[in-house]
Amino acid sequence: MAKFIEVETYFQGHSHIEILNIDDIGHISVGPNLIFLKTPYADGSNKARVSSETIEKLEKLLEVVEVDDGNDKSYFDGRSCGLRLAHAVWRG
């Protein structure tokens, strides 16, 4: 049986409550707070803008864990940044 989650999405300055099928989430972009869906909306778009609280809720629900691979990357300006890898497991 499919599992669903209620989320608040934002589109053109308005918020909407939507119920999404967990299996329809293709990937989640954490920084810009976007959920990309496998099934597009009627207008052809496939992403939903959500709050950071919704992203945190999804991370807990999907049991996302951060993995440190010990490999820090260095960019042209000399600053180092850690590589964030995540593995999500849905146990519904």
PDB file of N, CA and C in Angstrom:
ATOM      1  N   MET A   1       0.840  -1.177   0.000  1.00  0.00           N
ATOM      2  CA  MET A   1       0.000   0.000   0.000  1.00  0.00           C
ATOM      3  C   MET A   1       0.886   1.242   0.000  1.00  0.00           C
ATOM      4  N   ALA A   2       0.525   2.227  -0.784  1.00  0.00           N
ATOM      5  CA  ALA A   2       1.305   3.457  -0.909  1.00  0.00           C
ATOM      6  C   ALA A   2       1.264   4.267   0.382  1.00  0.00           C
ATOM      7  N   LYS A   3       2.363   4.982   0.658  1.00  0.00           N
ATOM      8  CA  LYS A   3       2.459   5.853   1.822  1.00  0.00           C
ATOM      9  C   LYS A   3       2.434   7.300   1.348  1.00  0.00           C
ATOM     10  N   PHE A   4       1.733   8.147   2.081  1.00  0.00           N
ATOM     11  CA  PHE A   4       1.579   9.543   1.714  1.00  0.00           C
ATOM     12  C   PHE A   4       2.025  10.445   2.851  1.00  0.00           C
ATOM     13  N   ILE A   5       2.416  11.685   2.489  1.00  0.00           N
ATOM     14  CA  ILE A   5       2.807  12.675   3.478  1.00  0.00           C
ATOM     15  C   ILE A   5       2.173  14.013   3.091  1.00  0.00           C
ATOM     16  N   GLU A   6       1.698  14.735   4.100  1.00  0.00           N
ATOM     17  CA  GLU A   6       1.127  16.055   3.870  1.00  0.00           C
ATOM     18  C   GLU A   6       2.235  17.096   3.963  1.00  0.00           C
ATOM     19  N   VAL A   7       2.368  17.932   2.939  1.00  0.00           N
ATOM     20  CA  VAL A   7       3.387  18.977   2.914  1.00  0.00           C
ATOM     21  C   VAL A   7       2.752  20.293   2.481  1.00  0.00           C
ATOM     22  N   GLU A   8       3.389  21.387   2.908  1.00  0.00           N
ATOM     23  CA  GLU A   8       2.975  22.709   2.462  1.00  0.00           C
ATOM     24  C   GLU A   8       3.923  23.140   1.361  1.00  0.00           C
ATOM     25  N   THR A   9       3.376  23.419   0.182  1.00  0.00           N
ATOM     26  CA  THR A   9       4.188  23.847  -0.953  1.00  0.00           C
ATOM     27  C   THR A   9       3.933  25.323  -1.228  1.00  0.00           C
ATOM     28  N   TYR A  10       4.901  25.952  -1.921  1.00  0.00           N
ATOM     29  CA  TYR A  10       4.800  27.368  -2.253  1.00  0.00           C
ATOM     30  C   TYR A  10       4.907  27.537  -3.760  1.00  0.00           C
ATOM     31  N   PHE A  11       3.958  28.291  -4.331  1.00  0.00           N
ATOM     32  CA  PHE A  11       3.951  28.516  -5.770  1.00  0.00           C
ATOM     33  C   PHE A  11       3.399  29.907  -6.041  1.00  0.00           C
ATOM     34  N   GLN A  12       4.155  30.733  -6.724  1.00  0.00           N
ATOM     35  CA  GLN A  12       3.779  32.088  -7.105  1.00  0.00           C
ATOM     36  C   GLN A  12       3.257  32.900  -5.920  1.00  0.00           C
ATOM     37  N   GLY A  13       3.957  32.814  -4.791  1.00  0.00           N
ATOM     38  CA  GLY A  13       3.615  33.607  -3.622  1.00  0.00           C
ATOM     39  C   GLY A  13       2.490  33.066  -2.766  1.00  0.00           C
ATOM     40  N   HIS A  14       1.964  31.911  -3.099  1.00  0.00           N
ATOM     41  CA  HIS A  14       0.869  31.317  -2.329  1.00  0.00           C
ATOM     42  C   HIS A  14       1.297  29.962  -1.770  1.00  0.00           C
ATOM     43  N   SER A  15       0.785  29.630  -0.608  1.00  0.00           N
ATOM     44  CA  SER A  15       1.079  28.308  -0.045  1.00  0.00           C
ATOM     45  C   SER A  15      -0.121  27.396  -0.253  1.00  0.00           C
ATOM     46  N   HIS A  16       0.174  26.125  -0.442  1.00  0.00           N
ATOM     47  CA  HIS A  16      -0.846  25.117  -0.682  1.00  0.00           C
ATOM     48  C   HIS A  16      -0.511  23.879   0.141  1.00  0.00           C
ATOM     49  N   ILE A  17      -1.512  23.221   0.656  1.00  0.00           N
ATOM     50  CA  ILE A  17      -1.325  21.948   1.336  1.00  0.00           C
ATOM     51  C   ILE A  17      -1.530  20.849   0.300  1.00  0.00           C
ATOM     52  N   GLU A  18      -0.525  19.974   0.188  1.00  0.00           N
ATOM     53  CA  GLU A  18      -0.607  18.861  -0.754  1.00  0.00           C
ATOM     54  C   GLU A  18      -0.316  17.565  -0.036  1.00  0.00           C
ATOM     55  N   ILE A  19      -0.853  16.500  -0.548  1.00  0.00           N
ATOM     56  CA  ILE A  19      -0.564  15.167  -0.038  1.00  0.00           C
ATOM     57  C   ILE A  19       0.212  14.447  -1.138  1.00  0.00           C
ATOM     58  N   LEU A  20       1.478  14.122  -0.831  1.00  0.00           N
ATOM     59  CA  LEU A  20       2.359  13.503  -1.818  1.00  0.00           C
ATOM     60  C   LEU A  20       2.573  12.033  -1.517  1.00  0.00           C
ATOM     61  N   ASN A  21       2.639  11.246  -2.558  1.00  0.00           N
ATOM     62  CA  ASN A  21       2.999   9.840  -2.450  1.00  0.00           C
ATOM     63  C   ASN A  21       4.509   9.760  -2.244  1.00  0.00           C
ATOM     64  N   ILE A  22       4.941   9.108  -1.175  1.00  0.00           N
ATOM     65  CA  ILE A  22       6.375   8.985  -0.876  1.00  0.00           C
ATOM     66  C   ILE A  22       7.125   8.358  -2.052  1.00  0.00           C
ATOM     67  N   ASP A  23       6.524   7.381  -2.704  1.00  0.00           N
ATOM     68  CA  ASP A  23       7.176   6.700  -3.823  1.00  0.00           C
ATOM     69  C   ASP A  23       7.312   7.586  -5.056  1.00  0.00           C
ATOM     70  N   ASP A  24       6.594   8.729  -5.095  1.00  0.00           N
ATOM     71  CA  ASP A  24       6.653   9.625  -6.238  1.00  0.00           C
ATOM     72  C   ASP A  24       7.767  10.659  -6.102  1.00  0.00           C
ATOM     73  N   ILE A  25       8.468  10.680  -4.964  1.00  0.00           N
ATOM     74  CA  ILE A  25       9.565  11.625  -4.781  1.00  0.00           C
ATOM     75  C   ILE A  25      10.789  11.079  -5.507  1.00  0.00           C
ATOM     76  N   GLY A  26      11.256  11.831  -6.507  1.00  0.00           N
ATOM     77  CA  GLY A  26      12.436  11.424  -7.262  1.00  0.00           C
ATOM     78  C   GLY A  26      13.703  11.760  -6.504  1.00  0.00           C
ATOM     79  N   HIS A  27      13.823  13.019  -6.088  1.00  0.00           N
ATOM     80  CA  HIS A  27      14.938  13.437  -5.238  1.00  0.00           C
ATOM     81  C   HIS A  27      14.577  14.741  -4.546  1.00  0.00           C
ATOM     82  N   ILE A  28      15.362  15.064  -3.525  1.00  0.00           N
ATOM     83  CA  ILE A  28      15.132  16.253  -2.718  1.00  0.00           C
ATOM     84  C   ILE A  28      16.380  17.108  -2.785  1.00  0.00           C
ATOM     85  N   SER A  29      16.208  18.378  -3.112  1.00  0.00           N
ATOM     86  CA  SER A  29      17.321  19.323  -3.134  1.00  0.00           C
ATOM     87  C   SER A  29      17.263  20.127  -1.840  1.00  0.00           C
ATOM     88  N   VAL A  30      18.225  19.870  -0.940  1.00  0.00           N
ATOM     89  CA  VAL A  30      18.163  20.392   0.421  1.00  0.00           C
ATOM     90  C   VAL A  30      18.380  21.901   0.482  1.00  0.00           C
ATOM     91  N   GLY A  31      19.365  22.442  -0.212  1.00  0.00           N
ATOM     92  CA  GLY A  31      19.655  23.872  -0.129  1.00  0.00           C
ATOM     93  C   GLY A  31      18.491  24.752  -0.568  1.00  0.00           C
ATOM     94  N   PRO A  32      18.012  24.590  -1.791  1.00  0.00           N
ATOM     95  CA  PRO A  32      16.893  25.411  -2.259  1.00  0.00           C
ATOM     96  C   PRO A  32      15.515  24.899  -1.826  1.00  0.00           C
ATOM     97  N   ASN A  33      15.480  23.817  -1.051  1.00  0.00           N
ATOM     98  CA  ASN A  33      14.228  23.254  -0.527  1.00  0.00           C
ATOM     99  C   ASN A  33      13.239  22.884  -1.632  1.00  0.00           C
ATOM    100  N   LEU A  34      13.685  22.031  -2.521  1.00  0.00           N
ATOM    101  CA  LEU A  34      12.848  21.560  -3.626  1.00  0.00           C
ATOM    102  C   LEU A  34      12.659  20.055  -3.544  1.00  0.00           C
ATOM    103  N   ILE A  35      11.446  19.623  -3.849  1.00  0.00           N
ATOM    104  CA  ILE A  35      11.149  18.201  -3.995  1.00  0.00           C
ATOM    105  C   ILE A  35      10.861  17.976  -5.477  1.00  0.00           C
ATOM    106  N   PHE A  36      11.610  17.088  -6.098  1.00  0.00           N
ATOM    107  CA  PHE A  36      11.381  16.748  -7.501  1.00  0.00           C
ATOM    108  C   PHE A  36      10.556  15.472  -7.547  1.00  0.00           C
ATOM    109  N   LEU A  37       9.472  15.532  -8.302  1.00  0.00           N
ATOM    110  CA  LEU A  37       8.527  14.418  -8.371  1.00  0.00           C
ATOM    111  C   LEU A  37       8.712  13.628  -9.660  1.00  0.00           C
ATOM    112  N   LYS A  38       8.437  12.340  -9.582  1.00  0.00           N
ATOM    113  CA  LYS A  38       8.511  11.482 -10.769  1.00  0.00           C
ATOM    114  C   LYS A  38       7.334  11.764 -11.704  1.00  0.00           C
ATOM    115  N   THR A  39       6.173  12.047 -11.133  1.00  0.00           N
ATOM    116  CA  THR A  39       4.975  12.353 -11.913  1.00  0.00           C
ATOM    117  C   THR A  39       4.789  13.864 -11.958  1.00  0.00           C
ATOM    118  N   PRO A  40       4.775  14.455 -13.147  1.00  0.00           N
ATOM    119  CA  PRO A  40       4.643  15.913 -13.222  1.00  0.00           C
ATOM    120  C   PRO A  40       3.228  16.390 -12.894  1.00  0.00           C
ATOM    121  N   TYR A  41       3.150  17.685 -12.548  1.00  0.00           N
ATOM    122  CA  TYR A  41       1.857  18.328 -12.353  1.00  0.00           C
ATOM    123  C   TYR A  41       1.183  18.501 -13.711  1.00  0.00           C
ATOM    124  N   ALA A  42      -0.064  18.967 -13.719  1.00  0.00           N
ATOM    125  CA  ALA A  42      -0.816  19.140 -14.961  1.00  0.00           C
ATOM    126  C   ALA A  42      -0.138  20.123 -15.920  1.00  0.00           C
ATOM    127  N   ASP A  43       0.603  21.116 -15.373  1.00  0.00           N
ATOM    128  CA  ASP A  43       1.278  22.090 -16.239  1.00  0.00           C
ATOM    129  C   ASP A  43       2.625  21.591 -16.763  1.00  0.00           C
ATOM    130  N   GLY A  44       3.017  20.373 -16.406  1.00  0.00           N
ATOM    131  CA  GLY A  44       4.259  19.785 -16.892  1.00  0.00           C
ATOM    132  C   GLY A  44       5.443  19.935 -15.950  1.00  0.00           C
ATOM    133  N   SER A  45       5.315  20.783 -14.930  1.00  0.00           N
ATOM    134  CA  SER A  45       6.424  20.940 -13.980  1.00  0.00           C
ATOM    135  C   SER A  45       6.491  19.725 -13.062  1.00  0.00           C
ATOM    136  N   ASN A  46       7.688  19.482 -12.511  1.00  0.00           N
ATOM    137  CA  ASN A  46       7.852  18.299 -11.668  1.00  0.00           C
ATOM    138  C   ASN A  46       8.508  18.618 -10.333  1.00  0.00           C
ATOM    139  N   LYS A  47       8.496  19.897  -9.919  1.00  0.00           N
ATOM    140  CA  LYS A  47       9.135  20.234  -8.649  1.00  0.00           C
ATOM    141  C   LYS A  47       8.184  21.036  -7.768  1.00  0.00           C
ATOM    142  N   ALA A  48       8.377  20.884  -6.476  1.00  0.00           N
ATOM    143  CA  ALA A  48       7.579  21.605  -5.490  1.00  0.00           C
ATOM    144  C   ALA A  48       8.526  22.304  -4.527  1.00  0.00           C
ATOM    145  N   ARG A  49       8.343  23.596  -4.327  1.00  0.00           N
ATOM    146  CA  ARG A  49       9.140  24.361  -3.358  1.00  0.00           C
ATOM    147  C   ARG A  49       8.478  24.214  -1.999  1.00  0.00           C
ATOM    148  N   VAL A  50       9.279  23.860  -0.988  1.00  0.00           N
ATOM    149  CA  VAL A  50       8.764  23.618   0.350  1.00  0.00           C
ATOM    150  C   VAL A  50       9.620  24.360   1.374  1.00  0.00           C
ATOM    151  N   SER A  51       9.204  24.345   2.621  1.00  0.00           N
ATOM    152  CA  SER A  51       9.963  24.999   3.690  1.00  0.00           C
ATOM    153  C   SER A  51      11.102  24.098   4.161  1.00  0.00           C
ATOM    154  N   SER A  52      12.052  24.692   4.867  1.00  0.00           N
ATOM    155  CA  SER A  52      13.145  23.901   5.429  1.00  0.00           C
ATOM    156  C   SER A  52      12.617  22.934   6.482  1.00  0.00           C
ATOM    157  N   GLU A  53      11.524  23.297   7.155  1.00  0.00           N
ATOM    158  CA  GLU A  53      10.909  22.391   8.133  1.00  0.00           C
ATOM    159  C   GLU A  53      10.374  21.136   7.443  1.00  0.00           C
ATOM    160  N   THR A  54       9.813  21.302   6.255  1.00  0.00           N
ATOM    161  CA  THR A  54       9.317  20.148   5.494  1.00  0.00           C
ATOM    162  C   THR A  54      10.478  19.247   5.082  1.00  0.00           C
ATOM    163  N   ILE A  55      11.598  19.845   4.672  1.00  0.00           N
ATOM    164  CA  ILE A  55      12.781  19.059   4.304  1.00  0.00           C
ATOM    165  C   ILE A  55      13.252  18.252   5.509  1.00  0.00           C
ATOM    166  N   GLU A  56      13.309  18.877   6.689  1.00  0.00           N
ATOM    167  CA  GLU A  56      13.722  18.171   7.906  1.00  0.00           C
ATOM    168  C   GLU A  56      12.757  17.038   8.234  1.00  0.00           C
ATOM    169  N   LYS A  57      11.465  17.280   8.057  1.00  0.00           N
ATOM    170  CA  LYS A  57      10.438  16.258   8.293  1.00  0.00           C
ATOM    171  C   LYS A  57      10.658  15.059   7.365  1.00  0.00           C
ATOM    172  N   LEU A  58      10.942  15.337   6.093  1.00  0.00           N
ATOM    173  CA  LEU A  58      11.191  14.270   5.126  1.00  0.00           C
ATOM    174  C   LEU A  58      12.472  13.510   5.445  1.00  0.00           C
ATOM    175  N   GLU A  59      13.520  14.224   5.880  1.00  0.00           N
ATOM    176  CA  GLU A  59      14.768  13.556   6.238  1.00  0.00           C
ATOM    177  C   GLU A  59      14.551  12.569   7.377  1.00  0.00           C
ATOM    178  N   LYS A  60      13.741  12.947   8.350  1.00  0.00           N
ATOM    179  CA  LYS A  60      13.454  12.043   9.471  1.00  0.00           C
ATOM    180  C   LYS A  60      12.598  10.867   9.012  1.00  0.00           C
ATOM    181  N   LEU A  61      11.581  11.161   8.218  1.00  0.00           N
ATOM    182  CA  LEU A  61      10.676  10.119   7.740  1.00  0.00           C
ATOM    183  C   LEU A  61      11.403   9.096   6.876  1.00  0.00           C
ATOM    184  N   LEU A  62      12.306   9.586   6.025  1.00  0.00           N
ATOM    185  CA  LEU A  62      13.042   8.712   5.113  1.00  0.00           C
ATOM    186  C   LEU A  62      14.311   8.139   5.736  1.00  0.00           C
ATOM    187  N   GLU A  63      14.583   8.510   6.990  1.00  0.00           N
ATOM    188  CA  GLU A  63      15.768   8.048   7.712  1.00  0.00           C
ATOM    189  C   GLU A  63      17.046   8.355   6.946  1.00  0.00           C
ATOM    190  N   VAL A  64      17.207   9.624   6.560  1.00  0.00           N
ATOM    191  CA  VAL A  64      18.399  10.069   5.851  1.00  0.00           C
ATOM    192  C   VAL A  64      19.539  10.189   6.855  1.00  0.00           C
ATOM    193  N   VAL A  65      20.671   9.611   6.525  1.00  0.00           N
ATOM    194  CA  VAL A  65      21.856   9.691   7.381  1.00  0.00           C
ATOM    195  C   VAL A  65      22.989  10.320   6.588  1.00  0.00           C
ATOM    196  N   GLU A  66      23.825  11.100   7.276  1.00  0.00           N
ATOM    197  CA  GLU A  66      24.968  11.723   6.628  1.00  0.00           C
ATOM    198  C   GLU A  66      26.167  10.804   6.758  1.00  0.00           C
ATOM    199  N   VAL A  67      26.875  10.620   5.662  1.00  0.00           N
ATOM    200  CA  VAL A  67      28.020   9.726   5.621  1.00  0.00           C
ATOM    201  C   VAL A  67      29.268  10.559   5.358  1.00  0.00           C
ATOM    202  N   ASP A  68      30.269  10.444   6.225  1.00  0.00           N
ATOM    203  CA  ASP A  68      31.536  11.140   6.031  1.00  0.00           C
ATOM    204  C   ASP A  68      32.498  10.181   5.349  1.00  0.00           C
ATOM    205  N   ASP A  69      32.849  10.502   4.114  1.00  0.00           N
ATOM    206  CA  ASP A  69      33.767   9.621   3.381  1.00  0.00           C
ATOM    207  C   ASP A  69      35.227  10.004   3.606  1.00  0.00           C
ATOM    208  N   GLY A  70      35.481  11.055   4.424  1.00  0.00           N
ATOM    209  CA  GLY A  70      36.843  11.465   4.736  1.00  0.00           C
ATOM    210  C   GLY A  70      37.545  12.170   3.602  1.00  0.00           C
ATOM    211  N   ASN A  71      36.823  12.519   2.561  1.00  0.00           N
ATOM    212  CA  ASN A  71      37.424  13.131   1.383  1.00  0.00           C
ATOM    213  C   ASN A  71      36.907  14.554   1.240  1.00  0.00           C
ATOM    214  N   ASP A  72      37.632  15.529   1.769  1.00  0.00           N
ATOM    215  CA  ASP A  72      37.250  16.931   1.616  1.00  0.00           C
ATOM    216  C   ASP A  72      37.751  17.439   0.278  1.00  0.00           C
ATOM    217  N   LYS A  73      36.893  18.167  -0.405  1.00  0.00           N
ATOM    218  CA  LYS A  73      37.252  18.736  -1.700  1.00  0.00           C
ATOM    219  C   LYS A  73      37.721  20.171  -1.503  1.00  0.00           C
ATOM    220  N   SER A  74      38.626  20.624  -2.319  1.00  0.00           N
ATOM    221  CA  SER A  74      39.118  21.991  -2.249  1.00  0.00           C
ATOM    222  C   SER A  74      38.766  22.690  -3.554  1.00  0.00           C
ATOM    223  N   TYR A  75      38.230  23.903  -3.464  1.00  0.00           N
ATOM    224  CA  TYR A  75      37.859  24.665  -4.650  1.00  0.00           C
ATOM    225  C   TYR A  75      38.948  25.678  -4.983  1.00  0.00           C
ATOM    226  N   PHE A  76      38.776  26.387  -6.066  1.00  0.00           N
ATOM    227  CA  PHE A  76      39.789  27.282  -6.591  1.00  0.00           C
ATOM    228  C   PHE A  76      40.236  28.351  -5.593  1.00  0.00           C
ATOM    229  N   ASP A  77      39.334  28.807  -4.715  1.00  0.00           N
ATOM    230  CA  ASP A  77      39.716  29.872  -3.796  1.00  0.00           C
ATOM    231  C   ASP A  77      40.393  29.323  -2.535  1.00  0.00           C
ATOM    232  N   GLY A  78      40.628  28.032  -2.463  1.00  0.00           N
ATOM    233  CA  GLY A  78      41.352  27.453  -1.342  1.00  0.00           C
ATOM    234  C   GLY A  78      40.487  27.027  -0.177  1.00  0.00           C
ATOM    235  N   ARG A  79      39.190  27.388  -0.197  1.00  0.00           N
ATOM    236  CA  ARG A  79      38.311  26.958   0.891  1.00  0.00           C
ATOM    237  C   ARG A  79      38.000  25.480   0.733  1.00  0.00           C
ATOM    238  N   SER A  80      37.887  24.794   1.848  1.00  0.00           N
ATOM    239  CA  SER A  80      37.533  23.381   1.765  1.00  0.00           C
ATOM    240  C   SER A  80      36.087  23.212   2.179  1.00  0.00           C
ATOM    241  N   CYS A  81      35.448  22.229   1.612  1.00  0.00           N
ATOM    242  CA  CYS A  81      34.075  21.933   2.008  1.00  0.00           C
ATOM    243  C   CYS A  81      33.923  20.420   2.053  1.00  0.00           C
ATOM    244  N   GLY A  82      33.168  19.954   3.010  1.00  0.00           N
ATOM    245  CA  GLY A  82      32.942  18.524   3.144  1.00  0.00           C
ATOM    246  C   GLY A  82      31.973  18.022   2.094  1.00  0.00           C
ATOM    247  N   LEU A  83      32.095  16.801   1.746  1.00  0.00           N
ATOM    248  CA  LEU A  83      31.203  16.169   0.791  1.00  0.00           C
ATOM    249  C   LEU A  83      30.074  15.526   1.573  1.00  0.00           C
ATOM    250  N   ARG A  84      28.846  15.893   1.257  1.00  0.00           N
ATOM    251  CA  ARG A  84      27.701  15.351   1.983  1.00  0.00           C
ATOM    252  C   ARG A  84      27.059  14.256   1.153  1.00  0.00           C
ATOM    253  N   LEU A  85      27.114  13.060   1.659  1.00  0.00           N
ATOM    254  CA  LEU A  85      26.460  11.927   1.018  1.00  0.00           C
ATOM    255  C   LEU A  85      25.318  11.480   1.909  1.00  0.00           C
ATOM    256  N   ALA A  86      24.231  11.114   1.320  1.00  0.00           N
ATOM    257  CA  ALA A  86      23.102  10.672   2.124  1.00  0.00           C
ATOM    258  C   ALA A  86      22.506   9.422   1.503  1.00  0.00           C
ATOM    259  N   HIS A  87      22.016   8.575   2.351  1.00  0.00           N
ATOM    260  CA  HIS A  87      21.343   7.356   1.914  1.00  0.00           C
ATOM    261  C   HIS A  87      19.997   7.316   2.614  1.00  0.00           C
ATOM    262  N   ALA A  88      18.935   7.275   1.872  1.00  0.00           N
ATOM    263  CA  ALA A  88      17.598   7.279   2.449  1.00  0.00           C
ATOM    264  C   ALA A  88      17.011   5.882   2.374  1.00  0.00           C
ATOM    265  N   VAL A  89      16.442   5.451   3.456  1.00  0.00           N
ATOM    266  CA  VAL A  89      15.791   4.145   3.519  1.00  0.00           C
ATOM    267  C   VAL A  89      14.371   4.358   4.005  1.00  0.00           C
ATOM    268  N   TRP A  90      13.408   3.963   3.211  1.00  0.00           N
ATOM    269  CA  TRP A  90      12.007   4.074   3.618  1.00  0.00           C
ATOM    270  C   TRP A  90      11.565   2.728   4.167  1.00  0.00           C
ATOM    271  N   ARG A  91      11.146   2.728   5.417  1.00  0.00           N
ATOM    272  CA  ARG A  91      10.676   1.498   6.042  1.00  0.00           C
ATOM    273  C   ARG A  91       9.231   1.671   6.436  1.00  0.00           C
ATOM    274  N   GLY A  92       8.356   1.630   5.447  1.00  0.00           N
ATOM    275  CA  GLY A  92       6.953   1.916   5.684  1.00  0.00           C
ATOM    276  C   GLY A  92       6.086   0.715   5.777  1.00  0.00           C
TER     277      GLY A  92
END
